[in-house]
């Protein structure tokens, strides 16, 4: 809770991220298929460049489980 308050006031440093993730299945229309990482503290998704092994700019809003479920069952 204290960490969330600190992030809200000062912003997240995005130091703790997941290993780069590349979706294995074909993306549905409107979804990205590029490699990305997610900040474990705030949940922001960032593009990842394998060539330079660097985190890029934040990508669009993450897909919620409900949106993914409804897109898969259309």
C-alpha atoms as a PDB file:
ATOM      1  CA  UNK A   1       0.000   0.000   0.000  1.00  0.00           C
ATOM      2  CA  UNK A   2       2.802   2.398   0.850  1.00  0.00           C
ATOM      3  CA  UNK A   3       4.511   1.493  -2.423  1.00  0.00           C
ATOM      4  CA  UNK A   4       1.346   2.347  -4.395  1.00  0.00           C
ATOM      5  CA  UNK A   5       1.113   5.730  -2.676  1.00  0.00           C
ATOM      6  CA  UNK A   6       4.780   6.429  -3.453  1.00  0.00           C
ATOM      7  CA  UNK A   7       4.259   5.455  -7.117  1.00  0.00           C
ATOM      8  CA  UNK A   8       1.193   7.681  -7.349  1.00  0.00           C
ATOM      9  CA  UNK A   9       3.086  10.695  -5.979  1.00  0.00           C
ATOM     10  CA  UNK A  10       6.545  10.187  -7.438  1.00  0.00           C
ATOM     11  CA  UNK A  11       5.972   7.800 -10.334  1.00  0.00           C
ATOM     12  CA  UNK A  12       7.234   4.271 -10.786  1.00  0.00           C
ATOM     13  CA  UNK A  13      10.878   3.650 -11.688  1.00  0.00           C
ATOM     14  CA  UNK A  14       9.971   0.417 -13.572  1.00  0.00           C
ATOM     15  CA  UNK A  15      13.056  -1.374 -12.219  1.00  0.00           C
ATOM     16  CA  UNK A  16      11.353  -4.753 -11.692  1.00  0.00           C
ATOM     17  CA  UNK A  17      10.058  -6.194 -14.970  1.00  0.00           C
ATOM     18  CA  UNK A  18       9.118  -9.571 -16.357  1.00  0.00           C
ATOM     19  CA  UNK A  19      11.288 -11.501 -18.771  1.00  0.00           C
ATOM     20  CA  UNK A  20      10.505 -10.390 -22.360  1.00  0.00           C
ATOM     21  CA  UNK A  21       7.259 -11.990 -23.548  1.00  0.00           C
ATOM     22  CA  UNK A  22       6.401 -12.759 -27.176  1.00  0.00           C
ATOM     23  CA  UNK A  23       2.897 -14.159 -27.763  1.00  0.00           C
ATOM     24  CA  UNK A  24       3.157 -17.556 -29.462  1.00  0.00           C
ATOM     25  CA  UNK A  25      -0.283 -17.593 -31.040  1.00  0.00           C
ATOM     26  CA  UNK A  26      -1.506 -15.381 -33.840  1.00  0.00           C
ATOM     27  CA  UNK A  27      -2.887 -12.140 -32.517  1.00  0.00           C
ATOM     28  CA  UNK A  28      -6.553 -11.305 -32.983  1.00  0.00           C
ATOM     29  CA  UNK A  29      -7.329  -8.207 -35.058  1.00  0.00           C
ATOM     30  CA  UNK A  30      -6.411  -5.089 -33.101  1.00  0.00           C
ATOM     31  CA  UNK A  31      -3.945  -6.858 -30.793  1.00  0.00           C
ATOM     32  CA  UNK A  32      -0.173  -6.574 -31.001  1.00  0.00           C
ATOM     33  CA  UNK A  33       2.162  -9.507 -31.524  1.00  0.00           C
ATOM     34  CA  UNK A  34       5.485  -7.887 -30.669  1.00  0.00           C
ATOM     35  CA  UNK A  35       7.737  -8.632 -27.711  1.00  0.00           C
ATOM     36  CA  UNK A  36       7.045  -6.733 -24.503  1.00  0.00           C
ATOM     37  CA  UNK A  37       7.841  -6.599 -20.779  1.00  0.00           C
ATOM     38  CA  UNK A  38       5.584  -5.676 -17.870  1.00  0.00           C
ATOM     39  CA  UNK A  39       6.549  -3.676 -14.779  1.00  0.00           C
ATOM     40  CA  UNK A  40       5.866  -5.850 -11.742  1.00  0.00           C
ATOM     41  CA  UNK A  41       5.169  -2.817  -9.545  1.00  0.00           C
ATOM     42  CA  UNK A  42       2.674  -0.801 -11.599  1.00  0.00           C
ATOM     43  CA  UNK A  43       1.626  -3.134 -14.443  1.00  0.00           C
ATOM     44  CA  UNK A  44       2.710  -0.855 -17.303  1.00  0.00           C
ATOM     45  CA  UNK A  45       3.629  -2.692 -20.515  1.00  0.00           C
ATOM     46  CA  UNK A  46       6.691  -1.643 -22.513  1.00  0.00           C
ATOM     47  CA  UNK A  47       7.880  -2.720 -25.923  1.00  0.00           C
ATOM     48  CA  UNK A  48      11.140  -4.679 -25.909  1.00  0.00           C
ATOM     49  CA  UNK A  49      13.882  -4.620 -28.545  1.00  0.00           C
ATOM     50  CA  UNK A  50      15.687  -7.980 -28.714  1.00  0.00           C
ATOM     51  CA  UNK A  51      18.412  -6.584 -30.990  1.00  0.00           C
ATOM     52  CA  UNK A  52      19.465  -3.884 -28.528  1.00  0.00           C
ATOM     53  CA  UNK A  53      18.158  -5.768 -25.469  1.00  0.00           C
ATOM     54  CA  UNK A  54      16.474  -2.607 -24.198  1.00  0.00           C
ATOM     55  CA  UNK A  55      13.060  -1.648 -22.915  1.00  0.00           C
ATOM     56  CA  UNK A  56      11.235   0.745 -25.218  1.00  0.00           C
ATOM     57  CA  UNK A  57       8.292   3.079 -24.873  1.00  0.00           C
ATOM     58  CA  UNK A  58       5.084   2.187 -23.039  1.00  0.00           C
ATOM     59  CA  UNK A  59       2.538   0.448 -25.255  1.00  0.00           C
ATOM     60  CA  UNK A  60      -1.231   0.873 -25.247  1.00  0.00           C
ATOM     61  CA  UNK A  61      -3.443  -0.078 -22.349  1.00  0.00           C
ATOM     62  CA  UNK A  62      -3.093  -3.740 -21.357  1.00  0.00           C
ATOM     63  CA  UNK A  63      -5.816  -6.106 -22.519  1.00  0.00           C
ATOM     64  CA  UNK A  64      -8.101  -7.123 -19.662  1.00  0.00           C
ATOM     65  CA  UNK A  65      -9.039 -10.754 -19.145  1.00  0.00           C
ATOM     66  CA  UNK A  66     -12.675  -9.960 -19.988  1.00  0.00           C
ATOM     67  CA  UNK A  67     -11.742  -8.300 -23.285  1.00  0.00           C
ATOM     68  CA  UNK A  68      -9.450 -11.190 -24.244  1.00  0.00           C
ATOM     69  CA  UNK A  69     -12.166 -13.723 -23.398  1.00  0.00           C
ATOM     70  CA  UNK A  70     -14.845 -11.929 -25.411  1.00  0.00           C
ATOM     71  CA  UNK A  71     -12.501 -11.509 -28.407  1.00  0.00           C
ATOM     72  CA  UNK A  72     -11.621 -15.211 -28.340  1.00  0.00           C
ATOM     73  CA  UNK A  73     -15.269 -16.306 -28.296  1.00  0.00           C
ATOM     74  CA  UNK A  74     -16.648 -14.150 -31.120  1.00  0.00           C
END
